[in-house]
Amino acid sequence: MVGHFAGPGPGRPTQSGPILVEVARRQVWLVNPDNNSLTTIDADSLNLVREIPICQTPTSLALDNLDQLWVSCRVEDNLKVVSAADGSLIKTIPLAAINFLHPATGYRLHTKGAGLDS
């Protein structure tokens, strides 16, 4: 799906969460909590590269050194890991399976069964 981003209107997201600029690909990634989607825009032309249905109420995103986007999903209480190259879903990690507290408390990060061990 390629097109020019025309801004708010019928069927278009009206808000976005944190914005991530991917310098190497010259792309801007946005979460759209009101549209339950993840959007990529070309940073130079401002054309819409893709919009991906991701989860209910995505709230933030981050890019790791493996070229994967991590999207937090508030309503579903999980993380979605997405390929930055093509937007495909790599895995879903339920947050209920992750138990951790601040390192100063003495608790360890527990990831067993959360899909983070691989």
N, C-alpha and C. Protein backbone atom coordinates (compact mmCIF):
# COMPACT_ATOMS: atom_id res chain seq x y z
N MET A 1 0.85 -1.17 0.00
CA MET A 1 0.00 0.00 0.00
C MET A 1 0.89 1.23 0.00
N VAL A 2 0.83 2.02 -1.03
CA VAL A 2 1.63 3.24 -1.12
C VAL A 2 0.68 4.38 -1.47
N GLY A 3 0.82 5.48 -0.80
CA GLY A 3 -0.02 6.63 -1.08
C GLY A 3 0.51 7.83 -0.33
N HIS A 4 -0.07 8.98 -0.54
CA HIS A 4 0.36 10.19 0.15
C HIS A 4 -0.44 10.34 1.43
N PHE A 5 0.22 10.64 2.52
CA PHE A 5 -0.46 10.85 3.79
C PHE A 5 -1.18 12.18 3.73
N ALA A 6 -2.50 12.14 3.83
CA ALA A 6 -3.30 13.35 3.68
C ALA A 6 -3.79 13.91 5.00
N GLY A 7 -3.45 13.28 6.10
CA GLY A 7 -3.88 13.79 7.39
C GLY A 7 -5.23 13.23 7.81
N PRO A 8 -5.78 13.73 8.91
CA PRO A 8 -7.02 13.20 9.44
C PRO A 8 -8.18 13.32 8.48
N GLY A 9 -9.06 12.38 8.55
CA GLY A 9 -10.26 12.35 7.73
C GLY A 9 -11.00 11.07 8.01
N PRO A 10 -12.12 10.83 7.33
CA PRO A 10 -12.89 9.62 7.57
C PRO A 10 -12.03 8.36 7.36
N GLY A 11 -12.03 7.48 8.36
CA GLY A 11 -11.30 6.23 8.26
C GLY A 11 -9.80 6.35 8.49
N ARG A 12 -9.31 7.55 8.73
CA ARG A 12 -7.88 7.75 8.96
C ARG A 12 -7.64 7.95 10.45
N PRO A 13 -6.48 7.55 10.94
CA PRO A 13 -6.18 7.78 12.35
C PRO A 13 -6.21 9.27 12.68
N THR A 14 -6.67 9.59 13.88
CA THR A 14 -6.73 10.99 14.30
C THR A 14 -5.70 11.33 15.36
N GLN A 15 -4.98 10.32 15.85
CA GLN A 15 -3.91 10.57 16.81
C GLN A 15 -2.83 9.52 16.64
N SER A 16 -1.65 9.84 17.06
CA SER A 16 -0.57 8.84 17.04
C SER A 16 0.21 8.97 18.32
N GLY A 17 0.85 7.86 18.70
CA GLY A 17 1.68 7.86 19.89
C GLY A 17 3.08 8.28 19.53
N PRO A 18 4.02 7.82 20.31
CA PRO A 18 5.41 8.18 20.02
C PRO A 18 5.81 7.87 18.58
N ILE A 19 6.70 8.68 18.12
CA ILE A 19 7.19 8.58 16.74
C ILE A 19 8.62 8.09 16.75
N LEU A 20 8.95 7.19 15.84
CA LEU A 20 10.30 6.67 15.72
C LEU A 20 10.81 6.99 14.32
N VAL A 21 11.97 7.61 14.22
CA VAL A 21 12.57 7.91 12.92
C VAL A 21 13.66 6.88 12.67
N GLU A 22 13.50 6.14 11.59
CA GLU A 22 14.48 5.14 11.18
C GLU A 22 15.37 5.78 10.13
N VAL A 23 16.53 6.24 10.55
CA VAL A 23 17.41 7.04 9.71
C VAL A 23 17.92 6.25 8.50
N ALA A 24 18.32 5.01 8.69
CA ALA A 24 18.90 4.22 7.60
C ALA A 24 17.95 4.05 6.42
N ARG A 25 16.67 3.82 6.68
CA ARG A 25 15.68 3.64 5.61
C ARG A 25 14.94 4.94 5.27
N ARG A 26 15.20 5.98 6.04
CA ARG A 26 14.50 7.26 5.86
C ARG A 26 12.99 7.06 5.99
N GLN A 27 12.59 6.34 7.06
CA GLN A 27 11.19 6.09 7.33
C GLN A 27 10.82 6.59 8.72
N VAL A 28 9.58 6.98 8.86
CA VAL A 28 9.02 7.39 10.13
C VAL A 28 7.93 6.39 10.50
N TRP A 29 8.01 5.85 11.71
CA TRP A 29 7.03 4.90 12.22
C TRP A 29 6.18 5.58 13.28
N LEU A 30 4.87 5.33 13.27
CA LEU A 30 3.94 5.90 14.24
C LEU A 30 2.98 4.83 14.73
N VAL A 31 2.62 4.86 15.99
CA VAL A 31 1.52 4.03 16.47
C VAL A 31 0.26 4.88 16.45
N ASN A 32 -0.85 4.27 16.10
CA ASN A 32 -2.14 4.96 16.00
C ASN A 32 -3.12 4.30 16.97
N PRO A 33 -3.18 4.77 18.23
CA PRO A 33 -4.04 4.13 19.23
C PRO A 33 -5.52 4.13 18.86
N ASP A 34 -5.98 5.13 18.15
CA ASP A 34 -7.39 5.20 17.80
C ASP A 34 -7.75 4.32 16.61
N ASN A 35 -6.76 3.89 15.86
CA ASN A 35 -6.99 3.06 14.67
C ASN A 35 -6.38 1.67 14.82
N ASN A 36 -5.77 1.40 15.97
CA ASN A 36 -5.18 0.09 16.27
C ASN A 36 -4.17 -0.34 15.21
N SER A 37 -3.34 0.60 14.78
CA SER A 37 -2.42 0.31 13.68
C SER A 37 -1.04 0.89 13.90
N LEU A 38 -0.13 0.46 13.05
CA LEU A 38 1.25 0.92 12.98
C LEU A 38 1.45 1.46 11.58
N THR A 39 1.93 2.69 11.46
CA THR A 39 2.06 3.35 10.16
C THR A 39 3.51 3.66 9.86
N THR A 40 3.90 3.50 8.60
CA THR A 40 5.22 3.88 8.12
C THR A 40 5.05 4.94 7.05
N ILE A 41 5.82 6.02 7.18
CA ILE A 41 5.78 7.12 6.21
C ILE A 41 7.20 7.35 5.70
N ASP A 42 7.35 7.58 4.41
CA ASP A 42 8.64 7.91 3.83
C ASP A 42 9.03 9.30 4.33
N ALA A 43 10.19 9.43 4.94
CA ALA A 43 10.61 10.69 5.55
C ALA A 43 10.88 11.79 4.54
N ASP A 44 11.21 11.43 3.31
CA ASP A 44 11.52 12.44 2.30
C ASP A 44 10.29 12.89 1.52
N SER A 45 9.49 11.93 1.05
CA SER A 45 8.33 12.28 0.23
C SER A 45 7.06 12.48 1.04
N LEU A 46 7.06 12.02 2.30
CA LEU A 46 5.88 12.01 3.17
C LEU A 46 4.77 11.10 2.65
N ASN A 47 5.12 10.18 1.75
CA ASN A 47 4.15 9.20 1.25
C ASN A 47 3.96 8.09 2.28
N LEU A 48 2.74 7.60 2.37
CA LEU A 48 2.43 6.47 3.21
C LEU A 48 3.07 5.22 2.59
N VAL A 49 3.89 4.53 3.36
CA VAL A 49 4.52 3.30 2.88
C VAL A 49 3.61 2.12 3.19
N ARG A 50 3.14 2.03 4.44
CA ARG A 50 2.21 0.97 4.83
C ARG A 50 1.52 1.34 6.12
N GLU A 51 0.35 0.76 6.30
CA GLU A 51 -0.35 0.84 7.57
C GLU A 51 -0.75 -0.57 7.93
N ILE A 52 -0.34 -1.02 9.11
CA ILE A 52 -0.49 -2.40 9.53
C ILE A 52 -1.44 -2.47 10.72
N PRO A 53 -2.52 -3.24 10.64
CA PRO A 53 -3.31 -3.48 11.85
C PRO A 53 -2.41 -4.23 12.83
N ILE A 54 -2.26 -3.71 14.06
CA ILE A 54 -1.27 -4.29 14.96
C ILE A 54 -1.89 -4.85 16.24
N CYS A 55 -2.71 -4.08 16.93
CA CYS A 55 -3.32 -4.52 18.19
C CYS A 55 -4.27 -3.43 18.67
N GLN A 56 -4.99 -3.74 19.76
CA GLN A 56 -5.87 -2.73 20.33
C GLN A 56 -5.04 -1.75 21.15
N THR A 57 -5.17 -0.50 20.83
CA THR A 57 -4.53 0.61 21.53
C THR A 57 -3.01 0.47 21.65
N PRO A 58 -2.30 0.46 20.50
CA PRO A 58 -0.84 0.49 20.60
C PRO A 58 -0.41 1.83 21.19
N THR A 59 0.58 1.80 22.08
CA THR A 59 0.93 3.03 22.79
C THR A 59 2.34 3.53 22.54
N SER A 60 3.28 2.65 22.26
CA SER A 60 4.65 3.11 22.03
C SER A 60 5.40 2.08 21.20
N LEU A 61 6.56 2.50 20.68
CA LEU A 61 7.36 1.59 19.88
C LEU A 61 8.83 1.91 20.05
N ALA A 62 9.65 0.90 19.75
CA ALA A 62 11.11 1.04 19.82
C ALA A 62 11.71 0.14 18.76
N LEU A 63 12.89 0.51 18.28
CA LEU A 63 13.61 -0.27 17.27
C LEU A 63 14.85 -0.87 17.92
N ASP A 64 15.03 -2.20 17.77
CA ASP A 64 16.21 -2.83 18.37
C ASP A 64 17.32 -2.98 17.32
N ASN A 65 18.46 -3.50 17.74
CA ASN A 65 19.60 -3.63 16.83
C ASN A 65 19.47 -4.80 15.86
N LEU A 66 18.38 -5.56 15.95
CA LEU A 66 18.10 -6.65 15.00
C LEU A 66 17.11 -6.21 13.93
N ASP A 67 16.84 -4.91 13.85
CA ASP A 67 15.91 -4.34 12.87
C ASP A 67 14.48 -4.81 13.12
N GLN A 68 14.13 -4.90 14.40
CA GLN A 68 12.79 -5.29 14.80
C GLN A 68 12.15 -4.16 15.60
N LEU A 69 10.89 -3.91 15.30
CA LEU A 69 10.12 -2.92 16.06
C LEU A 69 9.38 -3.63 17.18
N TRP A 70 9.41 -3.04 18.36
CA TRP A 70 8.69 -3.56 19.51
C TRP A 70 7.55 -2.58 19.79
N VAL A 71 6.32 -3.07 19.73
CA VAL A 71 5.14 -2.23 19.91
C VAL A 71 4.41 -2.68 21.17
N SER A 72 4.17 -1.76 22.09
CA SER A 72 3.41 -2.10 23.30
C SER A 72 1.92 -1.95 23.00
N CYS A 73 1.15 -2.94 23.46
CA CYS A 73 -0.30 -2.98 23.22
C CYS A 73 -1.00 -2.94 24.56
N ARG A 74 -1.59 -1.81 24.87
CA ARG A 74 -2.16 -1.57 26.19
C ARG A 74 -3.34 -2.49 26.52
N VAL A 75 -4.32 -2.57 25.65
CA VAL A 75 -5.53 -3.34 25.94
C VAL A 75 -5.24 -4.84 25.98
N GLU A 76 -4.40 -5.32 25.07
CA GLU A 76 -4.08 -6.74 25.00
C GLU A 76 -3.01 -7.15 26.01
N ASP A 77 -2.35 -6.17 26.63
CA ASP A 77 -1.30 -6.42 27.62
C ASP A 77 -0.20 -7.32 27.07
N ASN A 78 0.31 -6.93 25.88
CA ASN A 78 1.41 -7.68 25.29
C ASN A 78 2.30 -6.77 24.46
N LEU A 79 3.37 -7.35 23.96
CA LEU A 79 4.27 -6.68 23.02
C LEU A 79 4.17 -7.40 21.69
N LYS A 80 4.16 -6.64 20.62
CA LYS A 80 4.24 -7.22 19.28
C LYS A 80 5.62 -6.88 18.74
N VAL A 81 6.31 -7.86 18.18
CA VAL A 81 7.61 -7.66 17.57
C VAL A 81 7.41 -7.78 16.07
N VAL A 82 7.78 -6.72 15.34
CA VAL A 82 7.49 -6.60 13.91
C VAL A 82 8.79 -6.35 13.15
N SER A 83 8.91 -6.93 11.97
CA SER A 83 10.06 -6.66 11.11
C SER A 83 9.99 -5.24 10.58
N ALA A 84 11.04 -4.46 10.78
CA ALA A 84 11.09 -3.10 10.24
C ALA A 84 11.27 -3.14 8.72
N ALA A 85 11.79 -4.23 8.21
CA ALA A 85 12.03 -4.33 6.76
C ALA A 85 10.73 -4.47 5.96
N ASP A 86 9.80 -5.30 6.46
CA ASP A 86 8.59 -5.54 5.66
C ASP A 86 7.28 -5.44 6.45
N GLY A 87 7.37 -5.15 7.74
CA GLY A 87 6.17 -4.98 8.55
C GLY A 87 5.51 -6.27 9.01
N SER A 88 6.15 -7.42 8.76
CA SER A 88 5.54 -8.69 9.15
C SER A 88 5.70 -8.92 10.66
N LEU A 89 4.69 -9.59 11.23
CA LEU A 89 4.72 -9.91 12.66
C LEU A 89 5.70 -11.05 12.90
N ILE A 90 6.62 -10.83 13.83
CA ILE A 90 7.61 -11.85 14.18
C ILE A 90 7.11 -12.68 15.36
N LYS A 91 6.63 -12.00 16.42
CA LYS A 91 6.08 -12.72 17.56
C LYS A 91 5.29 -11.78 18.44
N THR A 92 4.47 -12.39 19.28
CA THR A 92 3.70 -11.68 20.30
C THR A 92 4.17 -12.17 21.65
N ILE A 93 4.45 -11.24 22.56
CA ILE A 93 4.94 -11.59 23.88
C ILE A 93 3.93 -11.11 24.92
N PRO A 94 3.27 -12.04 25.61
CA PRO A 94 2.33 -11.62 26.66
C PRO A 94 3.08 -11.03 27.85
N LEU A 95 2.69 -9.86 28.28
CA LEU A 95 3.39 -9.21 29.38
C LEU A 95 3.12 -9.88 30.72
N ALA A 96 2.04 -10.60 30.84
CA ALA A 96 1.76 -11.31 32.08
C ALA A 96 2.83 -12.36 32.36
N ALA A 97 3.54 -12.81 31.33
CA ALA A 97 4.58 -13.83 31.50
C ALA A 97 5.91 -13.23 31.93
N ILE A 98 6.01 -11.92 31.96
CA ILE A 98 7.28 -11.28 32.31
C ILE A 98 7.16 -10.69 33.72
N ASN A 99 8.03 -11.13 34.61
CA ASN A 99 8.03 -10.63 35.98
C ASN A 99 9.38 -10.01 36.27
N PHE A 100 9.41 -8.71 36.53
CA PHE A 100 10.66 -8.07 36.89
C PHE A 100 10.40 -6.81 37.70
N LEU A 101 11.36 -6.47 38.50
CA LEU A 101 11.34 -5.22 39.24
C LEU A 101 12.69 -4.55 39.04
N HIS A 102 12.81 -3.38 39.53
CA HIS A 102 14.05 -2.63 39.40
C HIS A 102 15.22 -3.44 39.97
N PRO A 103 16.37 -3.42 39.30
CA PRO A 103 17.52 -4.20 39.76
C PRO A 103 17.92 -3.91 41.21
N ALA A 104 17.67 -2.73 41.70
CA ALA A 104 18.05 -2.38 43.07
C ALA A 104 17.25 -3.16 44.11
N THR A 105 16.12 -3.73 43.70
CA THR A 105 15.30 -4.49 44.64
C THR A 105 15.80 -5.91 44.84
N GLY A 106 16.67 -6.37 43.94
CA GLY A 106 17.17 -7.72 44.04
C GLY A 106 16.40 -8.74 43.23
N TYR A 107 15.33 -8.31 42.58
CA TYR A 107 14.56 -9.23 41.74
C TYR A 107 15.22 -9.37 40.37
N ARG A 108 15.15 -10.57 39.81
CA ARG A 108 15.72 -10.82 38.48
C ARG A 108 14.63 -10.73 37.42
N LEU A 109 15.03 -10.45 36.20
CA LEU A 109 14.12 -10.49 35.07
C LEU A 109 13.78 -11.94 34.79
N HIS A 110 12.51 -12.26 34.76
CA HIS A 110 12.06 -13.62 34.48
C HIS A 110 11.40 -13.63 33.12
N THR A 111 11.95 -14.38 32.18
CA THR A 111 11.40 -14.39 30.83
C THR A 111 10.91 -15.76 30.38
N LYS A 112 11.03 -16.76 31.24
CA LYS A 112 10.63 -18.10 30.84
C LYS A 112 9.18 -18.14 30.37
N GLY A 113 8.98 -18.64 29.17
CA GLY A 113 7.65 -18.73 28.60
C GLY A 113 7.18 -17.47 27.94
N ALA A 114 7.96 -16.41 27.98
CA ALA A 114 7.54 -15.14 27.39
C ALA A 114 8.02 -14.98 25.96
N GLY A 115 8.76 -15.95 25.44
CA GLY A 115 9.26 -15.84 24.07
C GLY A 115 10.52 -15.04 23.96
N LEU A 116 11.13 -14.68 25.07
CA LEU A 116 12.35 -13.89 25.03
C LEU A 116 13.59 -14.74 25.15
N ASP A 117 13.42 -16.04 25.39
CA ASP A 117 14.56 -16.92 25.59
C ASP A 117 15.23 -17.32 24.28
N SER A 118 14.54 -17.14 23.17
CA SER A 118 15.09 -17.58 21.88
C SER A 118 15.98 -16.54 21.27
